[in-house]
Structures are given as structure tokens and as C-alpha cells.
Amino acid sequence: MYEDIDVLDIKKITIENNLIDIRDKYEYLLGNITGSINIPYNYLMMNPENYLDSDKTYYLYCDSGSKSRRLCTHLNQLGFHTVDLVGGYSRYIMEG
């Protein structure tokens, strides 16, 4: 099971470099949530240990929230603590 929060609530949380945009690099460069870093979905799916520390909490988002939800479920099963930002970047831009 994974944890989630509404993407609009991200402004209420201190993230300290643990906000990850899992979209492709070109999508990230077109626009992103300030303070996020880009680690594409496939990189995290295949080799999460190269990017994540099991002692930290990471907040993941994609464009709509579906890929980040799947990835959070996968990563949490591997022992990482991830939180899905429901609604993704699209909702953040439309309502944020």
C-alpha cells in the first residue's frame, strides 16, 4: 500500500529535496513544481537503490497521477517510503 496527498497540499509540506518528478526529461523541462528534481519513471522502477535512501520520505508526481501511484506502490513494497501526489502536475498547474 502507498500513501498519498493532494498535489495542492504540497505547499504545506517541507520537502527538503525529496520531491521527484517522474516524467520524461523533456516534460520536466517544459515545466515542473519548484524544488523538484527529475528522475524518470523507468530509472526509479529499474534501479531505485541508485536514487533513493530507505531512511527518507519521497514525494512523487507525474502528469496525471497514475504513473506515480503505480511507482509508489512498487517502491513501498521494496521498502522505500514514497508518497503519491494525487492529480499530478496537470492539476497543480490548473488549480495551483
C-alpha atoms as a PDB file:
ATOM      1  CA  MET A   1       0.000   0.000   0.000  1.00  0.00           C
ATOM      2  CA  TYR A   2       1.118   3.532  -0.639  1.00  0.00           C
ATOM      3  CA  GLU A   3       0.386   6.857   0.964  1.00  0.00           C
ATOM      4  CA  ASP A   4      -0.969   9.838  -0.942  1.00  0.00           C
ATOM      5  CA  ILE A   5      -1.727  13.518  -0.526  1.00  0.00           C
ATOM      6  CA  ASP A   6      -3.433  16.028  -2.783  1.00  0.00           C
ATOM      7  CA  VAL A   7      -0.896  17.739  -5.035  1.00  0.00           C
ATOM      8  CA  LEU A   8      -2.248  21.121  -3.901  1.00  0.00           C
ATOM      9  CA  ASP A   9      -1.222  20.318  -0.320  1.00  0.00           C
ATOM     10  CA  ILE A  10       2.440  20.116  -1.326  1.00  0.00           C
ATOM     11  CA  LYS A  11       2.875  23.783  -0.410  1.00  0.00           C
ATOM     12  CA  LYS A  12       2.105  22.900   3.231  1.00  0.00           C
ATOM     13  CA  ILE A  13       4.928  20.367   3.490  1.00  0.00           C
ATOM     14  CA  THR A  14       8.646  20.895   3.967  1.00  0.00           C
ATOM     15  CA  ILE A  15      10.159  18.584   1.381  1.00  0.00           C
ATOM     16  CA  GLU A  16      13.920  19.224   1.545  1.00  0.00           C
ATOM     17  CA  ASN A  17      14.862  17.983  -1.943  1.00  0.00           C
ATOM     18  CA  ASN A  18      12.650  14.902  -1.761  1.00  0.00           C
ATOM     19  CA  LEU A  19      10.133  15.990  -4.401  1.00  0.00           C
ATOM     20  CA  ILE A  20      10.588  13.884  -7.526  1.00  0.00           C
ATOM     21  CA  ASP A  21       9.081  14.493 -10.951  1.00  0.00           C
ATOM     22  CA  ILE A  22       8.996  11.076 -12.640  1.00  0.00           C
ATOM     23  CA  ARG A  23       8.062  12.354 -16.104  1.00  0.00           C
ATOM     24  CA  ASP A  24      10.493  12.254 -19.025  1.00  0.00           C
ATOM     25  CA  LYS A  25      13.215  14.900 -19.080  1.00  0.00           C
ATOM     26  CA  TYR A  26      11.602  16.915 -21.890  1.00  0.00           C
ATOM     27  CA  GLU A  27       8.323  17.137 -19.927  1.00  0.00           C
ATOM     28  CA  TYR A  28      10.189  18.255 -16.821  1.00  0.00           C
ATOM     29  CA  LEU A  29      11.984  20.963 -18.801  1.00  0.00           C
ATOM     30  CA  LEU A  30       8.662  22.288 -20.126  1.00  0.00           C
ATOM     31  CA  GLY A  31       7.507  22.952 -16.552  1.00  0.00           C
ATOM     32  CA  ASN A  32       7.718  21.453 -13.084  1.00  0.00           C
ATOM     33  CA  ILE A  33       6.910  22.042  -9.440  1.00  0.00           C
ATOM     34  CA  THR A  34       9.519  24.345  -7.951  1.00  0.00           C
ATOM     35  CA  GLY A  35      12.029  22.445  -5.859  1.00  0.00           C
ATOM     36  CA  SER A  36      11.530  19.133  -7.616  1.00  0.00           C
ATOM     37  CA  ILE A  37      14.212  17.017  -9.216  1.00  0.00           C
ATOM     38  CA  ASN A  38      13.703  14.848 -12.283  1.00  0.00           C
ATOM     39  CA  ILE A  39      14.207  11.103 -12.087  1.00  0.00           C
ATOM     40  CA  PRO A  40      12.206   9.439 -14.872  1.00  0.00           C
ATOM     41  CA  TYR A  41       9.797   6.606 -14.081  1.00  0.00           C
ATOM     42  CA  ASN A  42      11.854   3.876 -15.752  1.00  0.00           C
ATOM     43  CA  TYR A  43      15.011   4.800 -13.834  1.00  0.00           C
ATOM     44  CA  LEU A  44      13.226   4.524 -10.491  1.00  0.00           C
ATOM     45  CA  MET A  45      11.364   1.378 -11.487  1.00  0.00           C
ATOM     46  CA  MET A  46      14.518  -0.465 -12.583  1.00  0.00           C
ATOM     47  CA  ASN A  47      17.121   0.789 -10.079  1.00  0.00           C
ATOM     48  CA  PRO A  48      15.555   2.637  -7.151  1.00  0.00           C
ATOM     49  CA  GLU A  49      18.524   1.917  -4.910  1.00  0.00           C
ATOM     50  CA  ASN A  50      20.641   4.175  -7.140  1.00  0.00           C
ATOM     51  CA  TYR A  51      18.424   7.173  -6.358  1.00  0.00           C
ATOM     52  CA  LEU A  52      16.569   6.640  -3.086  1.00  0.00           C
ATOM     53  CA  ASP A  53      17.525   6.195   0.541  1.00  0.00           C
ATOM     54  CA  SER A  54      15.276   3.884   2.552  1.00  0.00           C
ATOM     55  CA  ASP A  55      15.505   6.274   5.539  1.00  0.00           C
ATOM     56  CA  LYS A  56      13.858   9.208   3.727  1.00  0.00           C
ATOM     57  CA  THR A  57      10.367  10.031   2.501  1.00  0.00           C
ATOM     58  CA  TYR A  58       9.942  10.941  -1.164  1.00  0.00           C
ATOM     59  CA  TYR A  59       7.028  12.720  -2.827  1.00  0.00           C
ATOM     60  CA  LEU A  60       6.456  11.570  -6.409  1.00  0.00           C
ATOM     61  CA  TYR A  61       4.399  13.118  -9.173  1.00  0.00           C
ATOM     62  CA  CYS A  62       3.800  12.588 -12.867  1.00  0.00           C
ATOM     63  CA  ASP A  63       1.445  14.369 -15.242  1.00  0.00           C
ATOM     64  CA  SER A  64      -1.890  12.972 -14.051  1.00  0.00           C
ATOM     65  CA  GLY A  65      -1.023  10.850 -11.024  1.00  0.00           C
ATOM     66  CA  SER A  66      -1.467   7.359 -12.494  1.00  0.00           C
ATOM     67  CA  LYS A  67       2.213   6.501 -13.067  1.00  0.00           C
ATOM     68  CA  SER A  68       3.280   7.966  -9.740  1.00  0.00           C
ATOM     69  CA  ARG A  69       0.614   5.894  -7.958  1.00  0.00           C
ATOM     70  CA  ARG A  70       1.898   2.684  -9.581  1.00  0.00           C
ATOM     71  CA  LEU A  71       5.501   3.571  -8.852  1.00  0.00           C
ATOM     72  CA  CYS A  72       4.778   4.454  -5.215  1.00  0.00           C
ATOM     73  CA  THR A  73       3.098   1.077  -4.721  1.00  0.00           C
ATOM     74  CA  HIS A  74       6.110  -0.700  -6.239  1.00  0.00           C
ATOM     75  CA  LEU A  75       8.715   1.283  -4.289  1.00  0.00           C
ATOM     76  CA  ASN A  76       6.908   0.914  -0.968  1.00  0.00           C
ATOM     77  CA  GLN A  77       6.834  -2.857  -1.491  1.00  0.00           C
ATOM     78  CA  LEU A  78      10.625  -2.685  -1.850  1.00  0.00           C
ATOM     79  CA  GLY A  79      10.971  -0.867   1.477  1.00  0.00           C
ATOM     80  CA  PHE A  80      11.153   2.759   0.358  1.00  0.00           C
ATOM     81  CA  HIS A  81       8.780   5.358   1.805  1.00  0.00           C
ATOM     82  CA  THR A  82       7.079   7.236  -1.018  1.00  0.00           C
ATOM     83  CA  VAL A  83       4.016   9.455  -1.154  1.00  0.00           C
ATOM     84  CA  ASP A  84       1.955   9.954  -4.313  1.00  0.00           C
ATOM     85  CA  LEU A  85       0.854  13.486  -5.199  1.00  0.00           C
ATOM     86  CA  VAL A  86      -2.719  12.911  -6.353  1.00  0.00           C
ATOM     87  CA  GLY A  87      -3.646  14.812  -9.501  1.00  0.00           C
ATOM     88  CA  GLY A  88      -0.081  15.272 -10.676  1.00  0.00           C
ATOM     89  CA  TYR A  89       1.432  18.218 -12.445  1.00  0.00           C
ATOM     90  CA  SER A  90      -1.654  18.867 -14.578  1.00  0.00           C
ATOM     91  CA  ARG A  91      -3.811  19.506 -11.523  1.00  0.00           C
ATOM     92  CA  TYR A  92      -1.077  21.528  -9.858  1.00  0.00           C
ATOM     93  CA  ILE A  93      -0.970  23.878 -12.870  1.00  0.00           C
ATOM     94  CA  MET A  94      -4.747  24.085 -13.342  1.00  0.00           C
ATOM     95  CA  GLU A  95      -5.637  24.734  -9.701  1.00  0.00           C
ATOM     96  CA  GLY A  96      -2.408  25.745  -8.024  1.00  0.00           C
END
